[in-house]
Amino acid sequence: MEIEKTNRMNGLFEFYATLLTEKQMNYMELYYADDFSLGEIAEEYSVSRQAVYDNIKRTEKILEDYERKLHLFSDYMVREEQLDELAEYVKDHYPKDECLASAIKELQDLDE
């Protein structure tokens, strides 16, 4: 499994998990966050490996569709990148400005 895909699915899951069914949430969490195999999930839920695979693939499409419509994850990533660039600029050009450093820290803490 590609690490980029895993990271993306985990990110999308963080934003849209509450829009999924309980089964979808459980399968995705076990597969992507806990690194369970399809067989392990199938055994845990007493279903076929194919049923788990189909559910995960459908759920991936659902998550991508939510992102395509709402852009919550991509907007978050852009904001994080811009905030990191701003923090670096302030560190380099205004190292003694505690007020500015504090404001940036408050912005960074909003998403934690």
PDB file of N, CA and C in Angstrom:
ATOM      1  N   MET A   1       0.848  -1.179   0.000  1.00  0.00           N
ATOM      2  CA  MET A   1       0.000   0.000   0.000  1.00  0.00           C
ATOM      3  C   MET A   1       0.891   1.238   0.000  1.00  0.00           C
ATOM      4  N   GLU A   2       0.531   2.178  -0.810  1.00  0.00           N
ATOM      5  CA  GLU A   2       1.325   3.398  -0.915  1.00  0.00           C
ATOM      6  C   GLU A   2       1.158   4.244   0.342  1.00  0.00           C
ATOM      7  N   ILE A   3       2.274   4.766   0.808  1.00  0.00           N
ATOM      8  CA  ILE A   3       2.222   5.583   2.015  1.00  0.00           C
ATOM      9  C   ILE A   3       1.455   6.886   1.781  1.00  0.00           C
ATOM     10  N   GLU A   4       1.562   7.452   0.568  1.00  0.00           N
ATOM     11  CA  GLU A   4       0.838   8.688   0.251  1.00  0.00           C
ATOM     12  C   GLU A   4      -0.662   8.459   0.304  1.00  0.00           C
ATOM     13  N   LYS A   5      -1.096   7.319  -0.230  1.00  0.00           N
ATOM     14  CA  LYS A   5      -2.529   7.011  -0.211  1.00  0.00           C
ATOM     15  C   LYS A   5      -2.997   6.803   1.222  1.00  0.00           C
ATOM     16  N   THR A   6      -2.204   6.102   1.999  1.00  0.00           N
ATOM     17  CA  THR A   6      -2.557   5.873   3.407  1.00  0.00           C
ATOM     18  C   THR A   6      -2.681   7.198   4.145  1.00  0.00           C
ATOM     19  N   ASN A   7      -1.714   8.084   3.952  1.00  0.00           N
ATOM     20  CA  ASN A   7      -1.769   9.390   4.613  1.00  0.00           C
ATOM     21  C   ASN A   7      -2.987  10.185   4.172  1.00  0.00           C
ATOM     22  N   ARG A   8      -3.278  10.147   2.877  1.00  0.00           N
ATOM     23  CA  ARG A   8      -4.442  10.875   2.362  1.00  0.00           C
ATOM     24  C   ARG A   8      -5.737  10.307   2.950  1.00  0.00           C
ATOM     25  N   MET A   9      -5.866   8.996   2.950  1.00  0.00           N
ATOM     26  CA  MET A   9      -7.087   8.376   3.486  1.00  0.00           C
ATOM     27  C   MET A   9      -7.241   8.682   4.974  1.00  0.00           C
ATOM     28  N   ASN A  10      -6.143   8.655   5.715  1.00  0.00           N
ATOM     29  CA  ASN A  10      -6.208   9.001   7.135  1.00  0.00           C
ATOM     30  C   ASN A  10      -6.638  10.459   7.316  1.00  0.00           C
ATOM     31  N   GLY A  11      -6.115  11.350   6.459  1.00  0.00           N
ATOM     32  CA  GLY A  11      -6.507  12.756   6.532  1.00  0.00           C
ATOM     33  C   GLY A  11      -7.971  12.957   6.191  1.00  0.00           C
ATOM     34  N   LEU A  12      -8.416  12.333   5.112  1.00  0.00           N
ATOM     35  CA  LEU A  12      -9.828  12.443   4.730  1.00  0.00           C
ATOM     36  C   LEU A  12     -10.717  11.861   5.821  1.00  0.00           C
ATOM     37  N   PHE A  13     -10.275  10.745   6.392  1.00  0.00           N
ATOM     38  CA  PHE A  13     -11.037  10.105   7.462  1.00  0.00           C
ATOM     39  C   PHE A  13     -11.201  11.042   8.659  1.00  0.00           C
ATOM     40  N   GLU A  14     -10.143  11.757   9.006  1.00  0.00           N
ATOM     41  CA  GLU A  14     -10.222  12.686  10.132  1.00  0.00           C
ATOM     42  C   GLU A  14     -11.296  13.750   9.914  1.00  0.00           C
ATOM     43  N   PHE A  15     -11.415  14.220   8.685  1.00  0.00           N
ATOM     44  CA  PHE A  15     -12.377  15.277   8.390  1.00  0.00           C
ATOM     45  C   PHE A  15     -13.798  14.763   8.201  1.00  0.00           C
ATOM     46  N   TYR A  16     -13.960  13.588   7.624  1.00  0.00           N
ATOM     47  CA  TYR A  16     -15.282  13.145   7.202  1.00  0.00           C
ATOM     48  C   TYR A  16     -15.789  11.883   7.900  1.00  0.00           C
ATOM     49  N   ALA A  17     -15.107  11.398   8.899  1.00  0.00           N
ATOM     50  CA  ALA A  17     -15.489  10.134   9.553  1.00  0.00           C
ATOM     51  C   ALA A  17     -16.918  10.162  10.066  1.00  0.00           C
ATOM     52  N   THR A  18     -17.345  11.275  10.597  1.00  0.00           N
ATOM     53  CA  THR A  18     -18.694  11.341  11.176  1.00  0.00           C
ATOM     54  C   THR A  18     -19.790  11.233  10.125  1.00  0.00           C
ATOM     55  N   LEU A  19     -19.430  11.351   8.857  1.00  0.00           N
ATOM     56  CA  LEU A  19     -20.413  11.217   7.780  1.00  0.00           C
ATOM     57  C   LEU A  19     -20.540   9.769   7.295  1.00  0.00           C
ATOM     58  N   LEU A  20     -19.724   8.890   7.847  1.00  0.00           N
ATOM     59  CA  LEU A  20     -19.729   7.482   7.456  1.00  0.00           C
ATOM     60  C   LEU A  20     -20.582   6.657   8.406  1.00  0.00           C
ATOM     61  N   THR A  21     -20.954   5.464   7.962  1.00  0.00           N
ATOM     62  CA  THR A  21     -21.648   4.544   8.864  1.00  0.00           C
ATOM     63  C   THR A  21     -20.642   3.991   9.871  1.00  0.00           C
ATOM     64  N   GLU A  22     -21.155   3.386  10.909  1.00  0.00           N
ATOM     65  CA  GLU A  22     -20.272   2.827  11.932  1.00  0.00           C
ATOM     66  C   GLU A  22     -19.376   1.736  11.342  1.00  0.00           C
ATOM     67  N   LYS A  23     -19.932   0.882  10.488  1.00  0.00           N
ATOM     68  CA  LYS A  23     -19.147  -0.176   9.866  1.00  0.00           C
ATOM     69  C   LYS A  23     -18.056   0.407   8.981  1.00  0.00           C
ATOM     70  N   GLN A  24     -18.393   1.416   8.199  1.00  0.00           N
ATOM     71  CA  GLN A  24     -17.397   2.062   7.344  1.00  0.00           C
ATOM     72  C   GLN A  24     -16.273   2.654   8.189  1.00  0.00           C
ATOM     73  N   MET A  25     -16.649   3.330   9.266  1.00  0.00           N
ATOM     74  CA  MET A  25     -15.628   3.913  10.151  1.00  0.00           C
ATOM     75  C   MET A  25     -14.726   2.827  10.728  1.00  0.00           C
ATOM     76  N   ASN A  26     -15.325   1.743  11.200  1.00  0.00           N
ATOM     77  CA  ASN A  26     -14.538   0.677  11.818  1.00  0.00           C
ATOM     78  C   ASN A  26     -13.574   0.044  10.828  1.00  0.00           C
ATOM     79  N   TYR A  27     -14.064  -0.298   9.636  1.00  0.00           N
ATOM     80  CA  TYR A  27     -13.211  -0.918   8.636  1.00  0.00           C
ATOM     81  C   TYR A  27     -12.065   0.003   8.233  1.00  0.00           C
ATOM     82  N   MET A  28     -12.377   1.269   7.984  1.00  0.00           N
ATOM     83  CA  MET A  28     -11.346   2.218   7.559  1.00  0.00           C
ATOM     84  C   MET A  28     -10.305   2.427   8.654  1.00  0.00           C
ATOM     85  N   GLU A  29     -10.764   2.545   9.877  1.00  0.00           N
ATOM     86  CA  GLU A  29      -9.823   2.749  10.985  1.00  0.00           C
ATOM     87  C   GLU A  29      -8.909   1.538  11.151  1.00  0.00           C
ATOM     88  N   LEU A  30      -9.485   0.358  11.100  1.00  0.00           N
ATOM     89  CA  LEU A  30      -8.666  -0.838  11.238  1.00  0.00           C
ATOM     90  C   LEU A  30      -7.678  -0.967  10.079  1.00  0.00           C
ATOM     91  N   TYR A  31      -8.142  -0.714   8.858  1.00  0.00           N
ATOM     92  CA  TYR A  31      -7.312  -0.920   7.681  1.00  0.00           C
ATOM     93  C   TYR A  31      -6.228   0.146   7.547  1.00  0.00           C
ATOM     94  N   TYR A  32      -6.602   1.409   7.676  1.00  0.00           N
ATOM     95  CA  TYR A  32      -5.644   2.490   7.437  1.00  0.00           C
ATOM     96  C   TYR A  32      -4.897   2.945   8.693  1.00  0.00           C
ATOM     97  N   ALA A  33      -5.574   3.083   9.794  1.00  0.00           N
ATOM     98  CA  ALA A  33      -4.906   3.596  10.995  1.00  0.00           C
ATOM     99  C   ALA A  33      -4.193   2.488  11.774  1.00  0.00           C
ATOM    100  N   ASP A  34      -4.844   1.326  11.867  1.00  0.00           N
ATOM    101  CA  ASP A  34      -4.276   0.245  12.676  1.00  0.00           C
ATOM    102  C   ASP A  34      -3.521  -0.794  11.851  1.00  0.00           C
ATOM    103  N   ASP A  35      -3.519  -0.637  10.524  1.00  0.00           N
ATOM    104  CA  ASP A  35      -2.762  -1.494   9.607  1.00  0.00           C
ATOM    105  C   ASP A  35      -3.171  -2.967   9.674  1.00  0.00           C
ATOM    106  N   PHE A  36      -4.472  -3.214   9.868  1.00  0.00           N
ATOM    107  CA  PHE A  36      -4.982  -4.577   9.813  1.00  0.00           C
ATOM    108  C   PHE A  36      -5.043  -5.010   8.351  1.00  0.00           C
ATOM    109  N   SER A  37      -4.893  -6.294   8.097  1.00  0.00           N
ATOM    110  CA  SER A  37      -5.071  -6.823   6.749  1.00  0.00           C
ATOM    111  C   SER A  37      -6.566  -7.030   6.495  1.00  0.00           C
ATOM    112  N   LEU A  38      -6.916  -7.221   5.229  1.00  0.00           N
ATOM    113  CA  LEU A  38      -8.311  -7.504   4.894  1.00  0.00           C
ATOM    114  C   LEU A  38      -8.776  -8.778   5.599  1.00  0.00           C
ATOM    115  N   GLY A  39      -7.903  -9.772   5.634  1.00  0.00           N
ATOM    116  CA  GLY A  39      -8.238 -11.029   6.302  1.00  0.00           C
ATOM    117  C   GLY A  39      -8.478 -10.862   7.797  1.00  0.00           C
ATOM    118  N   GLU A  40      -7.669 -10.041   8.444  1.00  0.00           N
ATOM    119  CA  GLU A  40      -7.842  -9.807   9.885  1.00  0.00           C
ATOM    120  C   GLU A  40      -9.164  -9.093  10.173  1.00  0.00           C
ATOM    121  N   ILE A  41      -9.498  -8.136   9.334  1.00  0.00           N
ATOM    122  CA  ILE A  41     -10.773  -7.423   9.515  1.00  0.00           C
ATOM    123  C   ILE A  41     -11.934  -8.376   9.263  1.00  0.00           C
ATOM    124  N   ALA A  42     -11.824  -9.189   8.203  1.00  0.00           N
ATOM    125  CA  ALA A  42     -12.876 -10.158   7.884  1.00  0.00           C
ATOM    126  C   ALA A  42     -13.102 -11.112   9.046  1.00  0.00           C
ATOM    127  N   GLU A  43     -12.021 -11.583   9.636  1.00  0.00           N
ATOM    128  CA  GLU A  43     -12.123 -12.499  10.773  1.00  0.00           C
ATOM    129  C   GLU A  43     -12.773 -11.806  11.971  1.00  0.00           C
ATOM    130  N   GLU A  44     -12.373 -10.566  12.215  1.00  0.00           N
ATOM    131  CA  GLU A  44     -12.913  -9.784  13.346  1.00  0.00           C
ATOM    132  C   GLU A  44     -14.426  -9.607  13.243  1.00  0.00           C
ATOM    133  N   TYR A  45     -14.925  -9.421  12.021  1.00  0.00           N
ATOM    134  CA  TYR A  45     -16.351  -9.146  11.814  1.00  0.00           C
ATOM    135  C   TYR A  45     -17.124 -10.332  11.243  1.00  0.00           C
ATOM    136  N   SER A  46     -16.459 -11.463  11.119  1.00  0.00           N
ATOM    137  CA  SER A  46     -17.093 -12.680  10.608  1.00  0.00           C
ATOM    138  C   SER A  46     -17.759 -12.458   9.252  1.00  0.00           C
ATOM    139  N   VAL A  47     -17.011 -11.838   8.349  1.00  0.00           N
ATOM    140  CA  VAL A  47     -17.465 -11.614   6.980  1.00  0.00           C
ATOM    141  C   VAL A  47     -16.348 -12.066   6.047  1.00  0.00           C
ATOM    142  N   SER A  48     -16.647 -12.085   4.760  1.00  0.00           N
ATOM    143  CA  SER A  48     -15.621 -12.500   3.802  1.00  0.00           C
ATOM    144  C   SER A  48     -14.607 -11.381   3.585  1.00  0.00           C
ATOM    145  N   ARG A  49     -13.440 -11.788   3.157  1.00  0.00           N
ATOM    146  CA  ARG A  49     -12.387 -10.832   2.810  1.00  0.00           C
ATOM    147  C   ARG A  49     -12.867  -9.913   1.690  1.00  0.00           C
ATOM    148  N   GLN A  50     -13.614 -10.474   0.736  1.00  0.00           N
ATOM    149  CA  GLN A  50     -14.142  -9.692  -0.380  1.00  0.00           C
ATOM    150  C   GLN A  50     -15.127  -8.636   0.105  1.00  0.00           C
ATOM    151  N   ALA A  51     -15.931  -8.960   1.101  1.00  0.00           N
ATOM    152  CA  ALA A  51     -16.888  -7.988   1.649  1.00  0.00           C
ATOM    153  C   ALA A  51     -16.148  -6.808   2.276  1.00  0.00           C
ATOM    154  N   VAL A  52     -15.077  -7.092   2.978  1.00  0.00           N
ATOM    155  CA  VAL A  52     -14.274  -6.027   3.580  1.00  0.00           C
ATOM    156  C   VAL A  52     -13.650  -5.170   2.490  1.00  0.00           C
ATOM    157  N   TYR A  53     -13.059  -5.825   1.492  1.00  0.00           N
ATOM    158  CA  TYR A  53     -12.432  -5.115   0.377  1.00  0.00           C
ATOM    159  C   TYR A  53     -13.441  -4.187  -0.315  1.00  0.00           C
ATOM    160  N   ASP A  54     -14.619  -4.719  -0.636  1.00  0.00           N
ATOM    161  CA  ASP A  54     -15.649  -3.922  -1.310  1.00  0.00           C
ATOM    162  C   ASP A  54     -16.073  -2.732  -0.464  1.00  0.00           C
ATOM    163  N   ASN A  55     -16.243  -2.956   0.833  1.00  0.00           N
ATOM    164  CA  ASN A  55     -16.650  -1.870   1.724  1.00  0.00           C
ATOM    165  C   ASN A  55     -15.584  -0.787   1.785  1.00  0.00           C
ATOM    166  N   ILE A  56     -14.333  -1.173   1.889  1.00  0.00           N
ATOM    167  CA  ILE A  56     -13.243  -0.195   1.962  1.00  0.00           C
ATOM    168  C   ILE A  56     -13.143   0.596   0.661  1.00  0.00           C
ATOM    169  N   LYS A  57     -13.245  -0.079  -0.473  1.00  0.00           N
ATOM    170  CA  LYS A  57     -13.171   0.623  -1.769  1.00  0.00           C
ATOM    171  C   LYS A  57     -14.327   1.604  -1.931  1.00  0.00           C
ATOM    172  N   ARG A  58     -15.536   1.198  -1.550  1.00  0.00           N
ATOM    173  CA  ARG A  58     -16.690   2.110  -1.618  1.00  0.00           C
ATOM    174  C   ARG A  58     -16.488   3.303  -0.687  1.00  0.00           C
ATOM    175  N   THR A  59     -15.970   3.036   0.491  1.00  0.00           N
ATOM    176  CA  THR A  59     -15.760   4.104   1.471  1.00  0.00           C
ATOM    177  C   THR A  59     -14.682   5.077   1.003  1.00  0.00           C
ATOM    178  N   GLU A  60     -13.630   4.568   0.370  1.00  0.00           N
ATOM    179  CA  GLU A  60     -12.603   5.452  -0.196  1.00  0.00           C
ATOM    180  C   GLU A  60     -13.232   6.393  -1.222  1.00  0.00           C
ATOM    181  N   LYS A  61     -14.076   5.867  -2.069  1.00  0.00           N
ATOM    182  CA  LYS A  61     -14.746   6.699  -3.077  1.00  0.00           C
ATOM    183  C   LYS A  61     -15.655   7.731  -2.426  1.00  0.00           C
ATOM    184  N   ILE A  62     -16.342   7.331  -1.373  1.00  0.00           N
ATOM    185  CA  ILE A  62     -17.216   8.258  -0.648  1.00  0.00           C
ATOM    186  C   ILE A  62     -16.391   9.398  -0.055  1.00  0.00           C
ATOM    187  N   LEU A  63     -15.276   9.060   0.581  1.00  0.00           N
ATOM    188  CA  LEU A  63     -14.411  10.086   1.180  1.00  0.00           C
ATOM    189  C   LEU A  63     -13.870  11.036   0.115  1.00  0.00           C
ATOM    190  N   GLU A  64     -13.437  10.497  -1.003  1.00  0.00           N
ATOM    191  CA  GLU A  64     -12.934  11.345  -2.088  1.00  0.00           C
ATOM    192  C   GLU A  64     -14.042  12.236  -2.647  1.00  0.00           C
ATOM    193  N   ASP A  65     -15.249  11.724  -2.703  1.00  0.00           N
ATOM    194  CA  ASP A  65     -16.378  12.512  -3.184  1.00  0.00           C
ATOM    195  C   ASP A  65     -16.695  13.662  -2.215  1.00  0.00           C
ATOM    196  N   TYR A  66     -16.670  13.379  -0.912  1.00  0.00           N
ATOM    197  CA  TYR A  66     -16.864  14.450   0.072  1.00  0.00           C
ATOM    198  C   TYR A  66     -15.807  15.533  -0.102  1.00  0.00           C
ATOM    199  N   GLU A  67     -14.560  15.105  -0.294  1.00  0.00           N
ATOM    200  CA  GLU A  67     -13.469  16.067  -0.445  1.00  0.00           C
ATOM    201  C   GLU A  67     -13.623  16.875  -1.728  1.00  0.00           C
ATOM    202  N   ARG A  68     -14.029  16.214  -2.790  1.00  0.00           N
ATOM    203  CA  ARG A  68     -14.227  16.915  -4.063  1.00  0.00           C
ATOM    204  C   ARG A  68     -15.298  18.003  -3.922  1.00  0.00           C
ATOM    205  N   LYS A  69     -16.292  17.757  -3.107  1.00  0.00           N
ATOM    206  CA  LYS A  69     -17.383  18.716  -2.932  1.00  0.00           C
ATOM    207  C   LYS A  69     -17.088  19.772  -1.868  1.00  0.00           C
ATOM    208  N   LEU A  70     -16.418  19.381  -0.797  1.00  0.00           N
ATOM    209  CA  LEU A  70     -16.266  20.272   0.358  1.00  0.00           C
ATOM    210  C   LEU A  70     -14.868  20.871   0.524  1.00  0.00           C
ATOM    211  N   HIS A  71     -13.844  20.220   0.045  1.00  0.00           N
ATOM    212  CA  HIS A  71     -12.459  20.707   0.081  1.00  0.00           C
ATOM    213  C   HIS A  71     -11.912  20.976   1.487  1.00  0.00           C
ATOM    214  N   LEU A  72     -12.446  20.337   2.492  1.00  0.00           N
ATOM    215  CA  LEU A  72     -11.985  20.611   3.853  1.00  0.00           C
ATOM    216  C   LEU A  72     -10.530  20.195   4.061  1.00  0.00           C
ATOM    217  N   PHE A  73     -10.169  19.015   3.588  1.00  0.00           N
ATOM    218  CA  PHE A  73      -8.812  18.510   3.777  1.00  0.00           C
ATOM    219  C   PHE A  73      -7.804  19.328   2.977  1.00  0.00           C
ATOM    220  N   SER A  74      -8.084  19.583   1.707  1.00  0.00           N
ATOM    221  CA  SER A  74      -7.131  20.337   0.879  1.00  0.00           C
ATOM    222  C   SER A  74      -6.988  21.774   1.373  1.00  0.00           C
ATOM    223  N   ASP A  75      -8.070  22.391   1.805  1.00  0.00           N
ATOM    224  CA  ASP A  75      -7.978  23.744   2.358  1.00  0.00           C
ATOM    225  C   ASP A  75      -7.133  23.757   3.631  1.00  0.00           C
ATOM    226  N   TYR A  76      -7.294  22.736   4.451  1.00  0.00           N
ATOM    227  CA  TYR A  76      -6.498  22.610   5.677  1.00  0.00           C
ATOM    228  C   TYR A  76      -5.017  22.499   5.339  1.00  0.00           C
ATOM    229  N   MET A  77      -4.685  21.669   4.345  1.00  0.00           N
ATOM    230  CA  MET A  77      -3.292  21.478   3.963  1.00  0.00           C
ATOM    231  C   MET A  77      -2.679  22.778   3.437  1.00  0.00           C
ATOM    232  N   VAL A  78      -3.423  23.539   2.660  1.00  0.00           N
ATOM    233  CA  VAL A  78      -2.933  24.818   2.135  1.00  0.00           C
ATOM    234  C   VAL A  78      -2.700  25.788   3.289  1.00  0.00           C
ATOM    235  N   ARG A  79      -3.652  25.855   4.219  1.00  0.00           N
ATOM    236  CA  ARG A  79      -3.492  26.750   5.376  1.00  0.00           C
ATOM    237  C   ARG A  79      -2.267  26.380   6.205  1.00  0.00           C
ATOM    238  N   GLU A  80      -2.062  25.093   6.422  1.00  0.00           N
ATOM    239  CA  GLU A  80      -0.899  24.639   7.187  1.00  0.00           C
ATOM    240  C   GLU A  80       0.407  25.046   6.507  1.00  0.00           C
ATOM    241  N   GLU A  81       0.473  24.875   5.204  1.00  0.00           N
ATOM    242  CA  GLU A  81       1.676  25.241   4.456  1.00  0.00           C
ATOM    243  C   GLU A  81       1.932  26.746   4.526  1.00  0.00           C
ATOM    244  N   GLN A  82       0.892  27.539   4.357  1.00  0.00           N
ATOM    245  CA  GLN A  82       1.042  28.988   4.408  1.00  0.00           C
ATOM    246  C   GLN A  82       1.440  29.448   5.806  1.00  0.00           C
ATOM    247  N   LEU A  83       0.865  28.828   6.814  1.00  0.00           N
ATOM    248  CA  LEU A  83       1.200  29.190   8.189  1.00  0.00           C
ATOM    249  C   LEU A  83       2.648  28.822   8.511  1.00  0.00           C
ATOM    250  N   ASP A  84       3.110  27.688   8.022  1.00  0.00           N
ATOM    251  CA  ASP A  84       4.512  27.299   8.222  1.00  0.00           C
ATOM    252  C   ASP A  84       5.458  28.296   7.551  1.00  0.00           C
ATOM    253  N   GLU A  85       5.112  28.714   6.338  1.00  0.00           N
ATOM    254  CA  GLU A  85       5.926  29.697   5.625  1.00  0.00           C
ATOM    255  C   GLU A  85       5.952  31.030   6.382  1.00  0.00           C
ATOM    256  N   LEU A  86       4.804  31.441   6.892  1.00  0.00           N
ATOM    257  CA  LEU A  86       4.726  32.683   7.661  1.00  0.00           C
ATOM    258  C   LEU A  86       5.561  32.587   8.936  1.00  0.00           C
ATOM    259  N   ALA A  87       5.461  31.469   9.615  1.00  0.00           N
ATOM    260  CA  ALA A  87       6.228  31.279  10.848  1.00  0.00           C
ATOM    261  C   ALA A  87       7.728  31.335  10.567  1.00  0.00           C
ATOM    262  N   GLU A  88       8.152  30.731   9.482  1.00  0.00           N
ATOM    263  CA  GLU A  88       9.570  30.753   9.103  1.00  0.00           C
ATOM    264  C   GLU A  88      10.016  32.169   8.760  1.00  0.00           C
ATOM    265  N   TYR A  89       9.175  32.902   8.044  1.00  0.00           N
ATOM    266  CA  TYR A  89       9.499  34.289   7.672  1.00  0.00           C
ATOM    267  C   TYR A  89       9.640  35.160   8.922  1.00  0.00           C
ATOM    268  N   VAL A  90       8.710  35.024   9.834  1.00  0.00           N
ATOM    269  CA  VAL A  90       8.765  35.812  11.073  1.00  0.00           C
ATOM    270  C   VAL A  90      10.008  35.447  11.876  1.00  0.00           C
ATOM    271  N   LYS A  91      10.318  34.170  11.943  1.00  0.00           N
ATOM    272  CA  LYS A  91      11.510  33.719  12.676  1.00  0.00           C
ATOM    273  C   LYS A  91      12.779  34.328  12.083  1.00  0.00           C
ATOM    274  N   ASP A  92      12.829  34.390  10.748  1.00  0.00           N
ATOM    275  CA  ASP A  92      14.021  34.919  10.077  1.00  0.00           C
ATOM    276  C   ASP A  92      14.116  36.441  10.114  1.00  0.00           C
ATOM    277  N   HIS A  93      12.983  37.129  10.001  1.00  0.00           N
ATOM    278  CA  HIS A  93      13.002  38.586   9.848  1.00  0.00           C
ATOM    279  C   HIS A  93      12.595  39.372  11.100  1.00  0.00           C
ATOM    280  N   TYR A  94      11.844  38.727  11.976  1.00  0.00           N
ATOM    281  CA  TYR A  94      11.396  39.413  13.194  1.00  0.00           C
ATOM    282  C   TYR A  94      11.586  38.509  14.412  1.00  0.00           C
ATOM    283  N   PRO A  95      12.801  38.075  14.670  1.00  0.00           N
ATOM    284  CA  PRO A  95      13.034  37.088  15.722  1.00  0.00           C
ATOM    285  C   PRO A  95      12.722  37.587  17.138  1.00  0.00           C
ATOM    286  N   LYS A  96      12.708  38.893  17.334  1.00  0.00           N
ATOM    287  CA  LYS A  96      12.487  39.417  18.682  1.00  0.00           C
ATOM    288  C   LYS A  96      11.052  39.898  18.901  1.00  0.00           C
ATOM    289  N   ASP A  97      10.192  39.757  17.906  1.00  0.00           N
ATOM    290  CA  ASP A  97       8.810  40.217  18.017  1.00  0.00           C
ATOM    291  C   ASP A  97       7.958  39.124  18.685  1.00  0.00           C
ATOM    292  N   GLU A  98       7.843  39.203  20.001  1.00  0.00           N
ATOM    293  CA  GLU A  98       7.114  38.188  20.769  1.00  0.00           C
ATOM    294  C   GLU A  98       5.622  38.225  20.487  1.00  0.00           C
ATOM    295  N   CYS A  99       5.091  39.403  20.206  1.00  0.00           N
ATOM    296  CA  CYS A  99       3.662  39.530  19.913  1.00  0.00           C
ATOM    297  C   CYS A  99       3.309  38.776  18.631  1.00  0.00           C
ATOM    298  N   LEU A 100       4.109  38.951  17.612  1.00  0.00           N
ATOM    299  CA  LEU A 100       3.895  38.281  16.336  1.00  0.00           C
ATOM    300  C   LEU A 100       4.086  36.769  16.486  1.00  0.00           C
ATOM    301  N   ALA A 101       5.104  36.373  17.195  1.00  0.00           N
ATOM    302  CA  ALA A 101       5.352  34.947  17.430  1.00  0.00           C
ATOM    303  C   ALA A 101       4.197  34.312  18.200  1.00  0.00           C
ATOM    304  N   SER A 102       3.662  35.042  19.160  1.00  0.00           N
ATOM    305  CA  SER A 102       2.536  34.547  19.943  1.00  0.00           C
ATOM    306  C   SER A 102       1.279  34.397  19.080  1.00  0.00           C
ATOM    307  N   ALA A 103       1.039  35.362  18.197  1.00  0.00           N
ATOM    308  CA  ALA A 103      -0.125  35.293  17.306  1.00  0.00           C
ATOM    309  C   ALA A 103      -0.030  34.088  16.379  1.00  0.00           C
ATOM    310  N   ILE A 104       1.154  33.821  15.857  1.00  0.00           N
ATOM    311  CA  ILE A 104       1.346  32.659  14.983  1.00  0.00           C
ATOM    312  C   ILE A 104       1.135  31.373  15.769  1.00  0.00           C
ATOM    313  N   LYS A 105       1.640  31.321  16.977  1.00  0.00           N
ATOM    314  CA  LYS A 105       1.463  30.138  17.828  1.00  0.00           C
ATOM    315  C   LYS A 105      -0.019  29.879  18.084  1.00  0.00           C
ATOM    316  N   GLU A 106      -0.785  30.930  18.317  1.00  0.00           N
ATOM    317  CA  GLU A 106      -2.229  30.780  18.532  1.00  0.00           C
ATOM    318  C   GLU A 106      -2.903  30.208  17.287  1.00  0.00           C
ATOM    319  N   LEU A 107      -2.506  30.668  16.122  1.00  0.00           N
ATOM    320  CA  LEU A 107      -3.063  30.148  14.878  1.00  0.00           C
ATOM    321  C   LEU A 107      -2.693  28.674  14.689  1.00  0.00           C
ATOM    322  N   GLN A 108      -1.463  28.309  15.003  1.00  0.00           N
ATOM    323  CA  GLN A 108      -1.030  26.926  14.858  1.00  0.00           C
ATOM    324  C   GLN A 108      -1.794  26.013  15.832  1.00  0.00           C
ATOM    325  N   ASP A 109      -2.113  26.516  17.005  1.00  0.00           N
ATOM    326  CA  ASP A 109      -2.790  25.726  18.009  1.00  0.00           C
ATOM    327  C   ASP A 109      -4.284  25.519  17.695  1.00  0.00           C
ATOM    328  N   LEU A 110      -4.842  26.314  16.819  1.00  0.00           N
ATOM    329  CA  LEU A 110      -6.258  26.191  16.483  1.00  0.00           C
ATOM    330  C   LEU A 110      -6.604  24.823  15.908  1.00  0.00           C
ATOM    331  N   ASP A 111      -5.725  24.253  15.120  1.00  0.00           N
ATOM    332  CA  ASP A 111      -6.006  22.999  14.453  1.00  0.00           C
ATOM    333  C   ASP A 111      -5.551  21.773  15.234  1.00  0.00           C
ATOM    334  N   GLU A 112      -5.010  21.955  16.400  1.00  0.00           N
ATOM    335  CA  GLU A 112      -4.559  20.803  17.195  1.00  0.00           C
ATOM    336  C   GLU A 112      -5.640  20.296  18.099  1.00  0.00           C
TER     337      GLU A 112
END
